[in-house]
Structures are given as C-alpha cells and as structure tokens.
Amino acid sequence: IFMSVFAYALPVKETKLKAQNWAPDT
C-alpha cells in the first residue's frame, strides 16, 4: 500500500509534444 501511494504521488516527468509540422492551432 505504501509503495502504491508513493508511486502514485511521485511526480511523473511530463513529455511535451514536439512541434514538428503540426498546424499551430492544432
């Protein structure tokens, strides 16, 4: 239980979408 709560509470490093050839608004 402790490890589950700890793992859930631990911040996950967000990965941001690459701009590449996306339309800017999209």
PDB file of all heavy atoms in Angstrom:
ATOM      1  N   ILE A   1       0.845  -1.208   0.000  1.00  0.00           N
ATOM      2  CA  ILE A   1       0.000   0.000   0.000  1.00  0.00           C
ATOM      3  C   ILE A   1       0.872   1.246   0.000  1.00  0.00           C
ATOM      4  O   ILE A   1       0.640   2.201  -0.747  1.00  0.00           O
ATOM      5  CB  ILE A   1      -0.954  -0.007   1.212  1.00  0.00           C
ATOM      6  CG1 ILE A   1      -1.975  -1.136   1.065  1.00  0.00           C
ATOM      7  CG2 ILE A   1      -1.653   1.334   1.354  1.00  0.00           C
ATOM      8  CD1 ILE A   1      -2.818  -1.365   2.303  1.00  0.00           C
ATOM      9  N   PHE A   2       1.907   1.239   0.867  1.00  0.00           N
ATOM     10  CA  PHE A   2       2.811   2.381   0.947  1.00  0.00           C
ATOM     11  C   PHE A   2       3.474   2.664  -0.394  1.00  0.00           C
ATOM     12  O   PHE A   2       3.527   3.813  -0.860  1.00  0.00           O
ATOM     13  CB  PHE A   2       3.879   2.117   2.014  1.00  0.00           C
ATOM     14  CG  PHE A   2       4.958   3.158   2.030  1.00  0.00           C
ATOM     15  CD1 PHE A   2       4.752   4.402   2.619  1.00  0.00           C
ATOM     16  CD2 PHE A   2       6.193   2.912   1.439  1.00  0.00           C
ATOM     17  CE1 PHE A   2       5.755   5.370   2.620  1.00  0.00           C
ATOM     18  CE2 PHE A   2       7.193   3.868   1.431  1.00  0.00           C
ATOM     19  CZ  PHE A   2       6.970   5.102   2.028  1.00  0.00           C
ATOM     20  N   MET A   3       3.978   1.613  -1.035  1.00  0.00           N
ATOM     21  CA  MET A   3       4.661   1.788  -2.320  1.00  0.00           C
ATOM     22  C   MET A   3       3.709   2.263  -3.406  1.00  0.00           C
ATOM     23  O   MET A   3       4.073   3.066  -4.271  1.00  0.00           O
ATOM     24  CB  MET A   3       5.335   0.475  -2.744  1.00  0.00           C
ATOM     25  CG  MET A   3       6.535   0.090  -1.880  1.00  0.00           C
ATOM     26  SD  MET A   3       7.803   1.374  -1.818  1.00  0.00           S
ATOM     27  CE  MET A   3       8.332   1.421  -3.523  1.00  0.00           C
ATOM     28  N   SER A   4       2.460   1.776  -3.370  1.00  0.00           N
ATOM     29  CA  SER A   4       1.476   2.204  -4.363  1.00  0.00           C
ATOM     30  C   SER A   4       1.174   3.685  -4.210  1.00  0.00           C
ATOM     31  O   SER A   4       1.121   4.436  -5.186  1.00  0.00           O
ATOM     32  CB  SER A   4       0.190   1.383  -4.226  1.00  0.00           C
ATOM     33  OG  SER A   4       0.438   0.031  -4.489  1.00  0.00           O
ATOM     34  N   VAL A   5       0.964   4.111  -2.955  1.00  0.00           N
ATOM     35  CA  VAL A   5       0.682   5.530  -2.692  1.00  0.00           C
ATOM     36  C   VAL A   5       1.881   6.381  -3.063  1.00  0.00           C
ATOM     37  O   VAL A   5       1.765   7.436  -3.687  1.00  0.00           O
ATOM     38  CB  VAL A   5       0.303   5.733  -1.205  1.00  0.00           C
ATOM     39  CG1 VAL A   5       0.210   7.216  -0.883  1.00  0.00           C
ATOM     40  CG2 VAL A   5      -1.014   5.042  -0.907  1.00  0.00           C
ATOM     41  N   PHE A   6       3.077   5.894  -2.711  1.00  0.00           N
ATOM     42  CA  PHE A   6       4.300   6.628  -3.023  1.00  0.00           C
ATOM     43  C   PHE A   6       4.493   6.786  -4.527  1.00  0.00           C
ATOM     44  O   PHE A   6       4.795   7.861  -5.035  1.00  0.00           O
ATOM     45  CB  PHE A   6       5.497   5.904  -2.414  1.00  0.00           C
ATOM     46  CG  PHE A   6       6.819   6.570  -2.689  1.00  0.00           C
ATOM     47  CD1 PHE A   6       7.199   7.718  -2.020  1.00  0.00           C
ATOM     48  CD2 PHE A   6       7.674   6.046  -3.654  1.00  0.00           C
ATOM     49  CE1 PHE A   6       8.410   8.334  -2.291  1.00  0.00           C
ATOM     50  CE2 PHE A   6       8.885   6.651  -3.928  1.00  0.00           C
ATOM     51  CZ  PHE A   6       9.254   7.804  -3.240  1.00  0.00           C
ATOM     52  N   ALA A   7       4.271   5.683  -5.246  1.00  0.00           N
ATOM     53  CA  ALA A   7       4.435   5.714  -6.702  1.00  0.00           C
ATOM     54  C   ALA A   7       3.414   6.627  -7.346  1.00  0.00           C
ATOM     55  O   ALA A   7       3.708   7.347  -8.307  1.00  0.00           O
ATOM     56  CB  ALA A   7       4.306   4.303  -7.269  1.00  0.00           C
ATOM     57  N   TYR A   8       2.182   6.606  -6.811  1.00  0.00           N
ATOM     58  CA  TYR A   8       1.128   7.451  -7.380  1.00  0.00           C
ATOM     59  C   TYR A   8       1.414   8.924  -7.109  1.00  0.00           C
ATOM     60  O   TYR A   8       1.164   9.787  -7.936  1.00  0.00           O
ATOM     61  CB  TYR A   8      -0.221   7.061  -6.786  1.00  0.00           C
ATOM     62  CG  TYR A   8      -1.378   7.885  -7.296  1.00  0.00           C
ATOM     63  CD1 TYR A   8      -1.787   7.787  -8.624  1.00  0.00           C
ATOM     64  CD2 TYR A   8      -2.054   8.763  -6.462  1.00  0.00           C
ATOM     65  CE1 TYR A   8      -2.839   8.533  -9.109  1.00  0.00           C
ATOM     66  CE2 TYR A   8      -3.100   9.522  -6.928  1.00  0.00           C
ATOM     67  CZ  TYR A   8      -3.503   9.402  -8.256  1.00  0.00           C
ATOM     68  OH  TYR A   8      -4.543  10.153  -8.729  1.00  0.00           O
ATOM     69  N   ALA A   9       1.956   9.208  -5.908  1.00  0.00           N
ATOM     70  CA  ALA A   9       2.199  10.599  -5.521  1.00  0.00           C
ATOM     71  C   ALA A   9       3.457  11.163  -6.166  1.00  0.00           C
ATOM     72  O   ALA A   9       3.602  12.371  -6.307  1.00  0.00           O
ATOM     73  CB  ALA A   9       2.314  10.700  -4.004  1.00  0.00           C
ATOM     74  N   LEU A  10       4.353  10.295  -6.561  1.00  0.00           N
ATOM     75  CA  LEU A  10       5.617  10.744  -7.146  1.00  0.00           C
ATOM     76  C   LEU A  10       5.370  11.436  -8.480  1.00  0.00           C
ATOM     77  O   LEU A  10       4.755  10.855  -9.374  1.00  0.00           O
ATOM     78  CB  LEU A  10       6.541   9.546  -7.363  1.00  0.00           C
ATOM     79  CG  LEU A  10       7.987   9.855  -7.767  1.00  0.00           C
ATOM     80  CD1 LEU A  10       8.717  10.532  -6.610  1.00  0.00           C
ATOM     81  CD2 LEU A  10       8.694   8.582  -8.173  1.00  0.00           C
ATOM     82  N   PRO A  11       5.799  12.666  -8.660  1.00  0.00           N
ATOM     83  CA  PRO A  11       5.565  13.359  -9.927  1.00  0.00           C
ATOM     84  C   PRO A  11       6.208  12.633 -11.102  1.00  0.00           C
ATOM     85  O   PRO A  11       7.311  12.123 -10.988  1.00  0.00           O
ATOM     86  CB  PRO A  11       6.229  14.732  -9.704  1.00  0.00           C
ATOM     87  CG  PRO A  11       6.340  14.878  -8.217  1.00  0.00           C
ATOM     88  CD  PRO A  11       6.509  13.500  -7.685  1.00  0.00           C
ATOM     89  N   VAL A  12       5.476  12.577 -12.187  1.00  0.00           N
ATOM     90  CA  VAL A  12       5.993  11.983 -13.408  1.00  0.00           C
ATOM     91  C   VAL A  12       6.458  13.111 -14.321  1.00  0.00           C
ATOM     92  O   VAL A  12       5.750  14.101 -14.506  1.00  0.00           O
ATOM     93  CB  VAL A  12       4.908  11.143 -14.110  1.00  0.00           C
ATOM     94  CG1 VAL A  12       5.425  10.629 -15.450  1.00  0.00           C
ATOM     95  CG2 VAL A  12       4.486   9.994 -13.219  1.00  0.00           C
ATOM     96  N   LYS A  13       7.619  12.973 -14.870  1.00  0.00           N
ATOM     97  CA  LYS A  13       8.126  13.996 -15.767  1.00  0.00           C
ATOM     98  C   LYS A  13       7.267  14.047 -17.021  1.00  0.00           C
ATOM     99  O   LYS A  13       7.169  13.077 -17.758  1.00  0.00           O
ATOM    100  CB  LYS A  13       9.582  13.698 -16.144  1.00  0.00           C
ATOM    101  CG  LYS A  13      10.203  14.782 -17.004  1.00  0.00           C
ATOM    102  CD  LYS A  13      11.643  14.452 -17.349  1.00  0.00           C
ATOM    103  CE  LYS A  13      12.245  15.534 -18.249  1.00  0.00           C
ATOM    104  NZ  LYS A  13      13.631  15.209 -18.638  1.00  0.00           N
ATOM    105  N   GLU A  14       6.638  15.191 -17.239  1.00  0.00           N
ATOM    106  CA  GLU A  14       5.775  15.333 -18.408  1.00  0.00           C
ATOM    107  C   GLU A  14       6.623  15.426 -19.675  1.00  0.00           C
ATOM    108  O   GLU A  14       7.658  16.080 -19.701  1.00  0.00           O
ATOM    109  CB  GLU A  14       4.898  16.576 -18.284  1.00  0.00           C
ATOM    110  CG  GLU A  14       3.791  16.445 -17.250  1.00  0.00           C
ATOM    111  CD  GLU A  14       2.881  17.663 -17.245  1.00  0.00           C
ATOM    112  OE1 GLU A  14       3.083  18.553 -18.090  1.00  0.00           O
ATOM    113  OE2 GLU A  14       1.975  17.720 -16.400  1.00  0.00           O
ATOM    114  N   THR A  15       6.165  14.769 -20.718  1.00  0.00           N
ATOM    115  CA  THR A  15       6.794  14.876 -22.029  1.00  0.00           C
ATOM    116  C   THR A  15       5.929  15.783 -22.882  1.00  0.00           C
ATOM    117  O   THR A  15       4.734  15.521 -23.048  1.00  0.00           O
ATOM    118  CB  THR A  15       6.913  13.490 -22.688  1.00  0.00           C
ATOM    119  OG1 THR A  15       7.627  12.625 -21.815  1.00  0.00           O
ATOM    120  CG2 THR A  15       7.636  13.593 -24.018  1.00  0.00           C
ATOM    121  N   LYS A  16       6.501  16.822 -23.404  1.00  0.00           N
ATOM    122  CA  LYS A  16       5.741  17.757 -24.217  1.00  0.00           C
ATOM    123  C   LYS A  16       5.798  17.345 -25.677  1.00  0.00           C
ATOM    124  O   LYS A  16       6.809  16.842 -26.164  1.00  0.00           O
ATOM    125  CB  LYS A  16       6.280  19.180 -24.057  1.00  0.00           C
ATOM    126  CG  LYS A  16       5.407  20.239 -24.720  1.00  0.00           C
ATOM    127  CD  LYS A  16       5.898  21.633 -24.421  1.00  0.00           C
ATOM    128  CE  LYS A  16       4.986  22.670 -25.084  1.00  0.00           C
ATOM    129  NZ  LYS A  16       5.451  24.049 -24.835  1.00  0.00           N
ATOM    130  N   LEU A  17       4.694  17.532 -26.358  1.00  0.00           N
ATOM    131  CA  LEU A  17       4.596  17.211 -27.778  1.00  0.00           C
ATOM    132  C   LEU A  17       5.570  18.067 -28.579  1.00  0.00           C
ATOM    133  O   LEU A  17       5.687  19.271 -28.347  1.00  0.00           O
ATOM    134  CB  LEU A  17       3.159  17.454 -28.245  1.00  0.00           C
ATOM    135  CG  LEU A  17       2.760  16.931 -29.621  1.00  0.00           C
ATOM    136  CD1 LEU A  17       2.777  15.413 -29.643  1.00  0.00           C
ATOM    137  CD2 LEU A  17       1.372  17.446 -29.989  1.00  0.00           C
ATOM    138  N   LYS A  18       6.268  17.461 -29.530  1.00  0.00           N
ATOM    139  CA  LYS A  18       7.155  18.214 -30.415  1.00  0.00           C
ATOM    140  C   LYS A  18       6.342  18.976 -31.447  1.00  0.00           C
ATOM    141  O   LYS A  18       5.332  18.471 -31.943  1.00  0.00           O
ATOM    142  CB  LYS A  18       8.122  17.262 -31.128  1.00  0.00           C
ATOM    143  CG  LYS A  18       9.091  16.542 -30.193  1.00  0.00           C
ATOM    144  CD  LYS A  18       9.956  15.562 -30.973  1.00  0.00           C
ATOM    145  CE  LYS A  18      10.883  14.787 -30.050  1.00  0.00           C
ATOM    146  NZ  LYS A  18      11.684  13.779 -30.796  1.00  0.00           N
ATOM    147  N   ALA A  19       6.791  20.160 -31.793  1.00  0.00           N
ATOM    148  CA  ALA A  19       6.054  20.998 -32.753  1.00  0.00           C
ATOM    149  C   ALA A  19       6.045  20.385 -34.146  1.00  0.00           C
ATOM    150  O   ALA A  19       5.012  20.382 -34.829  1.00  0.00           O
ATOM    151  CB  ALA A  19       6.658  22.402 -32.802  1.00  0.00           C
ATOM    152  N   GLN A  20       7.192  19.871 -34.581  1.00  0.00           N
ATOM    153  CA  GLN A  20       7.334  19.243 -35.896  1.00  0.00           C
ATOM    154  C   GLN A  20       6.551  20.017 -36.972  1.00  0.00           C
ATOM    155  O   GLN A  20       6.746  21.215 -37.135  1.00  0.00           O
ATOM    156  CB  GLN A  20       6.911  17.776 -35.802  1.00  0.00           C
ATOM    157  CG  GLN A  20       7.857  16.941 -34.925  1.00  0.00           C
ATOM    158  CD  GLN A  20       7.417  15.522 -34.732  1.00  0.00           C
ATOM    159  OE1 GLN A  20       6.396  15.262 -34.089  1.00  0.00           O
ATOM    160  NE2 GLN A  20       8.178  14.572 -35.261  1.00  0.00           N
ATOM    161  N   ASN A  21       5.656  19.330 -37.713  1.00  0.00           N
ATOM    162  CA  ASN A  21       4.895  20.012 -38.765  1.00  0.00           C
ATOM    163  C   ASN A  21       3.411  20.155 -38.427  1.00  0.00           C
ATOM    164  O   ASN A  21       2.570  20.204 -39.319  1.00  0.00           O
ATOM    165  CB  ASN A  21       5.047  19.274 -40.097  1.00  0.00           C
ATOM    166  CG  ASN A  21       6.392  19.538 -40.743  1.00  0.00           C
ATOM    167  OD1 ASN A  21       6.884  20.668 -40.745  1.00  0.00           O
ATOM    168  ND2 ASN A  21       7.014  18.500 -41.268  1.00  0.00           N
ATOM    169  N   TRP A  22       3.090  20.230 -37.136  1.00  0.00           N
ATOM    170  CA  TRP A  22       1.700  20.459 -36.752  1.00  0.00           C
ATOM    171  C   TRP A  22       1.257  21.865 -37.151  1.00  0.00           C
ATOM    172  O   TRP A  22       2.039  22.814 -37.076  1.00  0.00           O
ATOM    173  CB  TRP A  22       1.528  20.314 -35.235  1.00  0.00           C
ATOM    174  CG  TRP A  22       1.623  18.919 -34.713  1.00  0.00           C
ATOM    175  CD1 TRP A  22       2.648  18.381 -33.986  1.00  0.00           C
ATOM    176  CD2 TRP A  22       0.647  17.881 -34.858  1.00  0.00           C
ATOM    177  NE1 TRP A  22       2.385  17.076 -33.684  1.00  0.00           N
ATOM    178  CE2 TRP A  22       1.154  16.732 -34.197  1.00  0.00           C
ATOM    179  CE3 TRP A  22      -0.604  17.806 -35.479  1.00  0.00           C
ATOM    180  CZ2 TRP A  22       0.457  15.528 -34.130  1.00  0.00           C
ATOM    181  CZ3 TRP A  22      -1.299  16.607 -35.412  1.00  0.00           C
ATOM    182  CH2 TRP A  22      -0.778  15.488 -34.753  1.00  0.00           C
ATOM    183  N   ALA A  23      -0.013  21.990 -37.556  1.00  0.00           N
ATOM    184  CA  ALA A  23      -0.609  23.317 -37.701  1.00  0.00           C
ATOM    185  C   ALA A  23      -0.574  23.983 -36.326  1.00  0.00           C
ATOM    186  O   ALA A  23      -0.878  23.329 -35.320  1.00  0.00           O
ATOM    187  CB  ALA A  23      -2.043  23.196 -38.211  1.00  0.00           C
ATOM    188  N   PRO A  24      -0.202  25.264 -36.212  1.00  0.00           N
ATOM    189  CA  PRO A  24      -0.005  25.899 -34.898  1.00  0.00           C
ATOM    190  C   PRO A  24      -1.191  25.770 -33.945  1.00  0.00           C
ATOM    191  O   PRO A  24      -1.006  25.431 -32.766  1.00  0.00           O
ATOM    192  CB  PRO A  24       0.264  27.363 -35.259  1.00  0.00           C
ATOM    193  CG  PRO A  24       0.899  27.288 -36.611  1.00  0.00           C
ATOM    194  CD  PRO A  24       0.202  26.158 -37.317  1.00  0.00           C
ATOM    195  N   ASP A  25      -2.417  26.037 -34.420  1.00  0.00           N
ATOM    196  CA  ASP A  25      -3.594  25.932 -33.550  1.00  0.00           C
ATOM    197  C   ASP A  25      -3.822  24.491 -33.090  1.00  0.00           C
ATOM    198  O   ASP A  25      -4.190  24.233 -31.939  1.00  0.00           O
ATOM    199  CB  ASP A  25      -4.847  26.436 -34.279  1.00  0.00           C
ATOM    200  CG  ASP A  25      -5.052  27.922 -34.086  1.00  0.00           C
ATOM    201  OD1 ASP A  25      -4.115  28.589 -33.610  1.00  0.00           O
ATOM    202  OD2 ASP A  25      -6.139  28.431 -34.409  1.00  0.00           O
ATOM    203  N   THR A  26      -3.619  23.554 -34.000  1.00  0.00           N
ATOM    204  CA  THR A  26      -3.803  22.144 -33.683  1.00  0.00           C
ATOM    205  C   THR A  26      -2.775  21.695 -32.655  1.00  0.00           C
ATOM    206  O   THR A  26      -3.107  20.995 -31.687  1.00  0.00           O
ATOM    207  CB  THR A  26      -3.696  21.298 -34.966  1.00  0.00           C
ATOM    208  OG1 THR A  26      -4.654  21.767 -35.915  1.00  0.00           O
ATOM    209  CG2 THR A  26      -3.949  19.829 -34.687  1.00  0.00           C
TER     210      THR A  26
END
